[in-house]
Amino acid sequence: MKIKNNWSGRFLVVALVTAAALTMTACDKDDDDNNIDNRPYTISGNAAGSQMVPSVAGTGTGTFNGTYNPATRQMNYTTNWNGLTGAPTSGGFYTGASGVAGTAAGSPWTIGTDWTGTGSTTGSWTLTQQQATDMMNGNMYYSMGTSTNSGGEIRGQMSATR
């Protein structure tokens, strides 16, 4: 029995197998740059004396706005305050749910000698994994104290959104 030589059919099969192999090896399994979990979060929080535990009477207010990168755990922020009883003498981040006196998590702010009862500061802070988890779960706040209210005059619970 004689078998007919079909070169065009063989060429087509080889071409398809080669194309499939090239396509499969070109796939990038490392797609972290497309992973929505690595997108930055917006962090914000409004501060007032009424959020302190126990609450503090006064007209002081504050705002916190920033971004958080979960890949690096880096937070960049701007904090504003207004109407404090005097210049801030302390400020920092704390872990704790709303309405609960928390524990100090970090104080990356350098208190300026030229600060007054109204002002702003910017900065960045790299969180630990636990601090990042607390912040993402709404269990982190910032607070500023003055000589009149050394335990804190205003407090703002922080929230993360995308």
N, C-alpha and C. Protein backbone atom coordinates (compact mmCIF):
# COMPACT_ATOMS: atom_id res chain seq x y z
N MET A 1 0.84 -1.17 0.00
CA MET A 1 0.00 0.00 0.00
C MET A 1 0.89 1.24 0.00
N LYS A 2 0.54 2.21 -0.80
CA LYS A 2 1.32 3.42 -0.97
C LYS A 2 0.62 4.56 -0.23
N ILE A 3 1.40 5.31 0.61
CA ILE A 3 0.84 6.43 1.36
C ILE A 3 1.17 7.71 0.62
N LYS A 4 0.15 8.51 0.45
CA LYS A 4 0.29 9.78 -0.27
C LYS A 4 0.97 10.80 0.65
N ASN A 5 1.96 11.48 0.14
CA ASN A 5 2.68 12.49 0.89
C ASN A 5 1.89 13.80 0.85
N ASN A 6 1.46 14.31 2.02
CA ASN A 6 0.65 15.53 2.09
C ASN A 6 1.46 16.59 2.84
N TRP A 7 2.35 17.28 2.14
CA TRP A 7 3.22 18.28 2.75
C TRP A 7 2.46 19.48 3.29
N SER A 8 1.45 19.90 2.63
CA SER A 8 0.70 21.07 3.10
C SER A 8 -0.01 20.76 4.41
N GLY A 9 -0.52 19.58 4.59
CA GLY A 9 -1.18 19.18 5.84
C GLY A 9 -0.18 19.10 6.98
N ARG A 10 1.01 18.52 6.70
CA ARG A 10 2.05 18.42 7.72
C ARG A 10 2.54 19.82 8.12
N PHE A 11 2.72 20.67 7.15
CA PHE A 11 3.17 22.04 7.42
C PHE A 11 2.16 22.77 8.32
N LEU A 12 0.88 22.59 8.06
CA LEU A 12 -0.17 23.23 8.85
C LEU A 12 -0.14 22.74 10.29
N VAL A 13 0.03 21.44 10.50
CA VAL A 13 0.08 20.88 11.85
C VAL A 13 1.31 21.41 12.60
N VAL A 14 2.47 21.42 11.95
CA VAL A 14 3.69 21.93 12.58
C VAL A 14 3.54 23.41 12.92
N ALA A 15 2.96 24.18 12.03
CA ALA A 15 2.76 25.62 12.27
C ALA A 15 1.83 25.84 13.45
N LEU A 16 0.76 25.09 13.56
CA LEU A 16 -0.19 25.24 14.67
C LEU A 16 0.45 24.85 16.00
N VAL A 17 1.19 23.75 16.03
CA VAL A 17 1.86 23.32 17.26
C VAL A 17 2.89 24.36 17.69
N THR A 18 3.66 24.89 16.75
CA THR A 18 4.66 25.91 17.06
C THR A 18 3.99 27.18 17.60
N ALA A 19 2.92 27.61 16.99
CA ALA A 19 2.21 28.81 17.44
C ALA A 19 1.65 28.61 18.84
N ALA A 20 1.10 27.44 19.11
CA ALA A 20 0.56 27.16 20.44
C ALA A 20 1.67 27.17 21.49
N ALA A 21 2.81 26.58 21.17
CA ALA A 21 3.93 26.54 22.11
C ALA A 21 4.45 27.95 22.39
N LEU A 22 4.57 28.77 21.38
CA LEU A 22 5.03 30.14 21.57
C LEU A 22 4.05 30.95 22.40
N THR A 23 2.77 30.76 22.16
CA THR A 23 1.75 31.48 22.92
C THR A 23 1.81 31.10 24.39
N MET A 24 1.96 29.83 24.68
CA MET A 24 1.98 29.37 26.07
C MET A 24 3.22 29.84 26.81
N THR A 25 4.36 29.88 26.16
CA THR A 25 5.58 30.33 26.83
C THR A 25 5.63 31.84 26.98
N ALA A 26 4.83 32.56 26.21
CA ALA A 26 4.82 34.02 26.30
C ALA A 26 3.97 34.52 27.46
N CYS A 27 3.15 33.65 28.05
CA CYS A 27 2.28 34.05 29.16
C CYS A 27 3.13 34.36 30.38
N ASP A 28 2.85 35.46 31.02
CA ASP A 28 3.55 35.88 32.21
C ASP A 28 2.73 35.47 33.42
N LYS A 29 3.23 34.56 34.21
CA LYS A 29 2.50 34.11 35.39
C LYS A 29 2.60 35.12 36.52
N ASP A 30 3.54 36.04 36.45
CA ASP A 30 3.70 37.06 37.46
C ASP A 30 2.92 38.30 37.03
N ASP A 31 1.67 38.37 37.46
CA ASP A 31 0.81 39.48 37.04
C ASP A 31 0.51 40.43 38.19
N ASP A 32 1.51 40.61 39.10
CA ASP A 32 1.30 41.48 40.24
C ASP A 32 0.94 42.90 39.84
N ASP A 33 1.44 43.34 38.68
CA ASP A 33 1.14 44.70 38.26
C ASP A 33 -0.33 44.85 37.86
N ASN A 34 -1.02 43.75 37.65
CA ASN A 34 -2.45 43.80 37.34
C ASN A 34 -3.30 43.42 38.54
N ASN A 35 -2.69 43.13 39.65
CA ASN A 35 -3.38 42.66 40.83
C ASN A 35 -4.04 43.85 41.53
N ILE A 36 -5.35 43.80 41.67
CA ILE A 36 -6.05 44.93 42.27
C ILE A 36 -5.69 45.11 43.74
N ASP A 37 -5.14 44.09 44.39
CA ASP A 37 -4.76 44.23 45.79
C ASP A 37 -3.55 45.14 45.97
N ASN A 38 -2.81 45.41 44.93
CA ASN A 38 -1.67 46.31 45.04
C ASN A 38 -2.00 47.75 44.69
N ARG A 39 -3.27 48.02 44.38
CA ARG A 39 -3.65 49.41 44.11
C ARG A 39 -3.62 50.19 45.42
N PRO A 40 -3.23 51.46 45.39
CA PRO A 40 -3.18 52.24 46.63
C PRO A 40 -4.57 52.55 47.18
N TYR A 41 -4.61 52.76 48.46
CA TYR A 41 -5.82 53.17 49.16
C TYR A 41 -5.74 54.65 49.46
N THR A 42 -6.89 55.29 49.59
CA THR A 42 -6.98 56.65 50.10
C THR A 42 -7.30 56.53 51.58
N ILE A 43 -6.53 57.23 52.40
CA ILE A 43 -6.72 57.20 53.85
C ILE A 43 -7.20 58.59 54.27
N SER A 44 -8.22 58.62 55.12
CA SER A 44 -8.73 59.91 55.57
C SER A 44 -9.29 59.79 56.98
N GLY A 45 -9.44 60.93 57.61
CA GLY A 45 -10.04 60.98 58.93
C GLY A 45 -10.17 62.40 59.42
N ASN A 46 -11.33 62.73 59.96
CA ASN A 46 -11.58 64.04 60.54
C ASN A 46 -11.44 63.95 62.05
N ALA A 47 -10.79 64.94 62.65
CA ALA A 47 -10.49 64.91 64.08
C ALA A 47 -11.27 65.98 64.83
N ALA A 48 -11.59 65.65 66.07
CA ALA A 48 -12.25 66.59 66.99
C ALA A 48 -11.99 66.12 68.41
N GLY A 49 -12.17 67.01 69.35
CA GLY A 49 -12.01 66.65 70.75
C GLY A 49 -13.04 65.64 71.23
N SER A 50 -14.20 65.64 70.60
CA SER A 50 -15.27 64.71 70.99
C SER A 50 -14.89 63.25 70.74
N GLN A 51 -13.89 63.00 69.90
CA GLN A 51 -13.46 61.63 69.63
C GLN A 51 -12.42 61.13 70.63
N MET A 52 -11.85 62.03 71.42
CA MET A 52 -10.89 61.62 72.44
C MET A 52 -11.60 60.76 73.48
N VAL A 53 -10.84 59.90 74.15
CA VAL A 53 -11.39 59.05 75.21
C VAL A 53 -10.58 59.32 76.47
N PRO A 54 -11.17 60.03 77.48
CA PRO A 54 -12.50 60.67 77.44
C PRO A 54 -12.47 61.90 76.53
N SER A 55 -13.66 62.36 76.17
CA SER A 55 -13.78 63.48 75.23
C SER A 55 -13.21 64.76 75.84
N VAL A 56 -12.77 65.64 74.94
CA VAL A 56 -12.19 66.92 75.32
C VAL A 56 -13.06 68.02 74.73
N ALA A 57 -13.49 68.96 75.58
CA ALA A 57 -14.28 70.09 75.09
C ALA A 57 -13.34 71.07 74.39
N GLY A 58 -13.82 71.67 73.33
CA GLY A 58 -13.01 72.66 72.63
C GLY A 58 -13.45 72.78 71.19
N THR A 59 -12.81 73.71 70.51
CA THR A 59 -13.18 73.98 69.12
C THR A 59 -12.16 73.42 68.13
N GLY A 60 -11.16 72.72 68.61
CA GLY A 60 -10.12 72.18 67.73
C GLY A 60 -10.65 71.12 66.78
N THR A 61 -10.17 71.18 65.56
CA THR A 61 -10.53 70.18 64.54
C THR A 61 -9.28 69.81 63.75
N GLY A 62 -9.39 68.75 63.00
CA GLY A 62 -8.27 68.34 62.15
C GLY A 62 -8.74 67.49 61.00
N THR A 63 -7.92 67.42 59.98
CA THR A 63 -8.18 66.52 58.85
C THR A 63 -6.90 65.75 58.55
N PHE A 64 -7.09 64.56 58.08
CA PHE A 64 -5.98 63.69 57.68
C PHE A 64 -6.31 63.14 56.31
N ASN A 65 -5.41 63.33 55.36
CA ASN A 65 -5.58 62.80 54.01
C ASN A 65 -4.27 62.19 53.56
N GLY A 66 -4.36 61.01 52.98
CA GLY A 66 -3.14 60.36 52.53
C GLY A 66 -3.41 59.20 51.61
N THR A 67 -2.35 58.54 51.25
CA THR A 67 -2.44 57.33 50.44
C THR A 67 -1.65 56.23 51.14
N TYR A 68 -2.07 55.00 50.90
CA TYR A 68 -1.40 53.85 51.48
C TYR A 68 -1.15 52.83 50.37
N ASN A 69 0.10 52.41 50.24
CA ASN A 69 0.49 51.41 49.24
C ASN A 69 0.65 50.07 49.95
N PRO A 70 -0.27 49.10 49.70
CA PRO A 70 -0.18 47.82 50.41
C PRO A 70 1.04 46.99 50.02
N ALA A 71 1.60 47.23 48.84
CA ALA A 71 2.78 46.46 48.42
C ALA A 71 4.01 46.83 49.24
N THR A 72 4.12 48.10 49.62
CA THR A 72 5.28 48.57 50.38
C THR A 72 4.93 48.91 51.83
N ARG A 73 3.64 48.94 52.15
CA ARG A 73 3.10 49.35 53.46
C ARG A 73 3.50 50.79 53.79
N GLN A 74 3.70 51.60 52.75
CA GLN A 74 4.09 53.01 52.90
C GLN A 74 2.84 53.88 52.89
N MET A 75 2.75 54.78 53.87
CA MET A 75 1.66 55.74 53.93
C MET A 75 2.26 57.14 53.79
N ASN A 76 1.72 57.93 52.87
CA ASN A 76 2.09 59.34 52.70
C ASN A 76 0.87 60.16 53.09
N TYR A 77 1.07 61.24 53.82
CA TYR A 77 -0.09 61.93 54.37
C TYR A 77 0.15 63.43 54.54
N THR A 78 -0.97 64.12 54.69
CA THR A 78 -1.01 65.52 55.09
C THR A 78 -2.01 65.62 56.24
N THR A 79 -1.59 66.26 57.31
CA THR A 79 -2.46 66.47 58.47
C THR A 79 -2.62 67.97 58.66
N ASN A 80 -3.86 68.40 58.83
CA ASN A 80 -4.18 69.81 59.11
C ASN A 80 -4.88 69.89 60.45
N TRP A 81 -4.66 70.96 61.17
CA TRP A 81 -5.37 71.20 62.41
C TRP A 81 -5.73 72.67 62.50
N ASN A 82 -6.78 72.93 63.27
CA ASN A 82 -7.31 74.29 63.35
C ASN A 82 -7.96 74.49 64.72
N GLY A 83 -7.74 75.65 65.31
CA GLY A 83 -8.43 76.03 66.54
C GLY A 83 -8.00 75.29 67.79
N LEU A 84 -6.78 74.78 67.83
CA LEU A 84 -6.30 74.13 69.06
C LEU A 84 -6.04 75.20 70.12
N THR A 85 -5.99 74.79 71.38
CA THR A 85 -5.76 75.74 72.47
C THR A 85 -4.34 76.29 72.47
N GLY A 86 -3.48 75.70 71.68
CA GLY A 86 -2.10 76.16 71.56
C GLY A 86 -1.39 75.32 70.52
N ALA A 87 -0.10 75.52 70.41
CA ALA A 87 0.68 74.75 69.44
C ALA A 87 0.70 73.28 69.83
N PRO A 88 0.67 72.39 68.85
CA PRO A 88 0.78 70.96 69.17
C PRO A 88 2.13 70.67 69.84
N THR A 89 2.08 69.90 70.90
CA THR A 89 3.30 69.47 71.59
C THR A 89 3.55 67.97 71.39
N SER A 90 2.56 67.29 70.87
CA SER A 90 2.71 65.86 70.57
C SER A 90 1.74 65.50 69.45
N GLY A 91 2.05 64.44 68.79
CA GLY A 91 1.18 63.94 67.73
C GLY A 91 1.66 62.59 67.28
N GLY A 92 0.72 61.73 66.94
CA GLY A 92 1.13 60.41 66.50
C GLY A 92 -0.04 59.55 66.10
N PHE A 93 0.28 58.30 65.79
CA PHE A 93 -0.70 57.32 65.38
C PHE A 93 -0.89 56.30 66.49
N TYR A 94 -2.11 55.82 66.61
CA TYR A 94 -2.47 54.87 67.67
C TYR A 94 -3.34 53.77 67.09
N THR A 95 -3.24 52.59 67.69
CA THR A 95 -4.14 51.51 67.30
C THR A 95 -5.25 51.45 68.33
N GLY A 96 -6.46 51.36 67.83
CA GLY A 96 -7.63 51.29 68.69
C GLY A 96 -8.88 51.60 67.91
N ALA A 97 -9.95 50.92 68.26
CA ALA A 97 -11.23 51.14 67.60
C ALA A 97 -11.81 52.48 68.03
N SER A 98 -12.76 52.96 67.29
CA SER A 98 -13.44 54.21 67.62
C SER A 98 -14.05 54.09 69.02
N GLY A 99 -13.83 55.11 69.85
CA GLY A 99 -14.38 55.11 71.20
C GLY A 99 -13.54 54.36 72.22
N VAL A 100 -12.39 53.85 71.80
CA VAL A 100 -11.51 53.09 72.69
C VAL A 100 -10.16 53.80 72.76
N ALA A 101 -9.65 53.95 73.98
CA ALA A 101 -8.30 54.51 74.14
C ALA A 101 -7.31 53.46 73.66
N GLY A 102 -6.53 53.82 72.66
CA GLY A 102 -5.62 52.85 72.04
C GLY A 102 -4.21 52.93 72.58
N THR A 103 -3.33 52.23 71.90
CA THR A 103 -1.92 52.23 72.26
C THR A 103 -1.11 52.89 71.14
N ALA A 104 -0.01 53.51 71.53
CA ALA A 104 0.83 54.21 70.56
C ALA A 104 1.36 53.24 69.51
N ALA A 105 1.23 53.64 68.25
CA ALA A 105 1.72 52.83 67.14
C ALA A 105 2.96 53.46 66.52
N GLY A 106 3.07 54.76 66.61
CA GLY A 106 4.22 55.44 66.04
C GLY A 106 4.01 56.94 66.03
N SER A 107 5.10 57.66 66.10
CA SER A 107 5.04 59.11 66.07
C SER A 107 6.04 59.64 65.07
N PRO A 108 5.71 59.53 63.78
CA PRO A 108 6.66 59.99 62.77
C PRO A 108 6.72 61.50 62.61
N TRP A 109 5.87 62.23 63.31
CA TRP A 109 5.87 63.68 63.18
C TRP A 109 7.00 64.28 64.00
N THR A 110 7.67 65.25 63.43
CA THR A 110 8.62 66.06 64.17
C THR A 110 7.90 67.37 64.47
N ILE A 111 7.64 67.60 65.74
CA ILE A 111 6.88 68.78 66.14
C ILE A 111 7.72 70.02 65.84
N GLY A 112 7.14 70.92 65.06
CA GLY A 112 7.85 72.14 64.67
C GLY A 112 7.83 73.18 65.77
N THR A 113 8.93 73.88 65.94
CA THR A 113 8.99 74.93 66.96
C THR A 113 8.17 76.15 66.54
N ASP A 114 7.85 76.22 65.25
CA ASP A 114 7.07 77.36 64.76
C ASP A 114 5.59 77.01 64.61
N TRP A 115 5.18 75.84 65.07
CA TRP A 115 3.77 75.45 64.95
C TRP A 115 2.91 76.28 65.89
N THR A 116 1.67 76.49 65.46
CA THR A 116 0.69 77.22 66.26
C THR A 116 -0.57 76.37 66.38
N GLY A 117 -1.62 76.95 66.91
CA GLY A 117 -2.89 76.24 67.06
C GLY A 117 -3.56 75.92 65.75
N THR A 118 -3.07 76.46 64.66
CA THR A 118 -3.57 76.16 63.31
C THR A 118 -2.36 75.89 62.42
N GLY A 119 -2.40 74.79 61.68
CA GLY A 119 -1.27 74.48 60.81
C GLY A 119 -1.44 73.17 60.08
N SER A 120 -0.35 72.72 59.49
CA SER A 120 -0.38 71.45 58.76
C SER A 120 1.02 70.86 58.71
N THR A 121 1.08 69.58 58.44
CA THR A 121 2.35 68.89 58.26
C THR A 121 2.15 67.74 57.27
N THR A 122 3.20 67.38 56.59
CA THR A 122 3.16 66.25 55.67
C THR A 122 4.25 65.26 56.08
N GLY A 123 4.08 64.02 55.68
CA GLY A 123 5.09 63.03 56.01
C GLY A 123 4.79 61.69 55.38
N SER A 124 5.64 60.75 55.72
CA SER A 124 5.44 59.37 55.27
C SER A 124 5.83 58.44 56.41
N TRP A 125 5.26 57.26 56.38
CA TRP A 125 5.47 56.30 57.46
C TRP A 125 5.30 54.90 56.89
N THR A 126 6.23 54.02 57.19
CA THR A 126 6.11 52.62 56.79
C THR A 126 5.55 51.83 57.95
N LEU A 127 4.41 51.22 57.73
CA LEU A 127 3.70 50.48 58.77
C LEU A 127 4.22 49.04 58.87
N THR A 128 4.10 48.46 60.06
CA THR A 128 4.35 47.03 60.20
C THR A 128 3.13 46.30 59.63
N GLN A 129 3.24 45.00 59.45
CA GLN A 129 2.11 44.24 58.93
C GLN A 129 0.90 44.36 59.87
N GLN A 130 1.13 44.29 61.19
CA GLN A 130 0.03 44.40 62.14
C GLN A 130 -0.61 45.79 62.10
N GLN A 131 0.20 46.83 62.01
CA GLN A 131 -0.34 48.18 61.92
C GLN A 131 -1.16 48.34 60.65
N ALA A 132 -0.68 47.78 59.54
CA ALA A 132 -1.42 47.85 58.28
C ALA A 132 -2.76 47.15 58.41
N THR A 133 -2.77 45.99 59.05
CA THR A 133 -4.03 45.26 59.26
C THR A 133 -4.97 46.07 60.12
N ASP A 134 -4.46 46.65 61.21
CA ASP A 134 -5.30 47.49 62.08
C ASP A 134 -5.88 48.67 61.30
N MET A 135 -5.06 49.33 60.51
CA MET A 135 -5.55 50.48 59.75
C MET A 135 -6.62 50.07 58.75
N MET A 136 -6.39 48.97 58.04
CA MET A 136 -7.35 48.52 57.03
C MET A 136 -8.68 48.11 57.67
N ASN A 137 -8.64 47.71 58.94
CA ASN A 137 -9.86 47.32 59.65
C ASN A 137 -10.48 48.48 60.43
N GLY A 138 -9.98 49.71 60.23
CA GLY A 138 -10.55 50.88 60.90
C GLY A 138 -10.13 51.02 62.35
N ASN A 139 -9.06 50.35 62.75
CA ASN A 139 -8.61 50.38 64.14
C ASN A 139 -7.33 51.18 64.31
N MET A 140 -7.25 52.31 63.62
CA MET A 140 -6.11 53.21 63.79
C MET A 140 -6.62 54.65 63.77
N TYR A 141 -5.99 55.48 64.60
CA TYR A 141 -6.36 56.89 64.62
C TYR A 141 -5.11 57.74 64.83
N TYR A 142 -5.27 59.04 64.59
CA TYR A 142 -4.19 59.98 64.86
C TYR A 142 -4.68 60.93 65.93
N SER A 143 -3.77 61.50 66.67
CA SER A 143 -4.12 62.40 67.77
C SER A 143 -3.05 63.47 67.90
N MET A 144 -3.48 64.64 68.35
CA MET A 144 -2.55 65.73 68.60
C MET A 144 -2.83 66.28 69.99
N GLY A 145 -1.75 66.49 70.75
CA GLY A 145 -1.86 67.05 72.08
C GLY A 145 -1.27 68.44 72.14
N THR A 146 -1.68 69.19 73.14
CA THR A 146 -1.16 70.54 73.38
C THR A 146 -0.73 70.62 74.84
N SER A 147 -0.14 71.75 75.24
CA SER A 147 0.24 71.89 76.65
C SER A 147 -1.00 71.90 77.54
N THR A 148 -2.13 72.38 77.02
CA THR A 148 -3.38 72.38 77.78
C THR A 148 -3.96 70.97 77.89
N ASN A 149 -3.87 70.20 76.82
CA ASN A 149 -4.41 68.84 76.78
C ASN A 149 -3.30 67.89 76.33
N SER A 150 -2.40 67.59 77.27
CA SER A 150 -1.21 66.80 76.92
C SER A 150 -1.56 65.36 76.55
N GLY A 151 -2.69 64.85 77.00
CA GLY A 151 -3.12 63.50 76.65
C GLY A 151 -3.79 63.42 75.29
N GLY A 152 -3.94 64.56 74.66
CA GLY A 152 -4.58 64.62 73.34
C GLY A 152 -5.71 65.62 73.34
N GLU A 153 -5.71 66.50 72.36
CA GLU A 153 -6.77 67.51 72.24
C GLU A 153 -7.75 67.15 71.13
N ILE A 154 -7.24 66.56 70.06
CA ILE A 154 -8.12 66.10 68.98
C ILE A 154 -7.70 64.69 68.57
N ARG A 155 -8.68 63.97 68.07
CA ARG A 155 -8.45 62.60 67.60
C ARG A 155 -9.27 62.39 66.35
N GLY A 156 -8.70 61.67 65.39
CA GLY A 156 -9.41 61.34 64.16
C GLY A 156 -9.23 59.88 63.78
N GLN A 157 -10.32 59.15 63.77
CA GLN A 157 -10.27 57.75 63.34
C GLN A 157 -9.99 57.71 61.84
N MET A 158 -9.12 56.83 61.41
CA MET A 158 -8.71 56.77 60.00
C MET A 158 -9.47 55.66 59.29
N SER A 159 -9.83 55.93 58.04
CA SER A 159 -10.49 54.90 57.23
C SER A 159 -9.80 54.81 55.87
N ALA A 160 -9.81 53.60 55.32
CA ALA A 160 -9.17 53.33 54.04
C ALA A 160 -10.23 52.99 53.00
N THR A 161 -10.14 53.64 51.84
CA THR A 161 -11.08 53.37 50.74
C THR A 161 -10.31 53.31 49.43
N ARG A 162 -10.95 52.66 48.46
CA ARG A 162 -10.38 52.64 47.11
C ARG A 162 -11.30 53.40 46.21
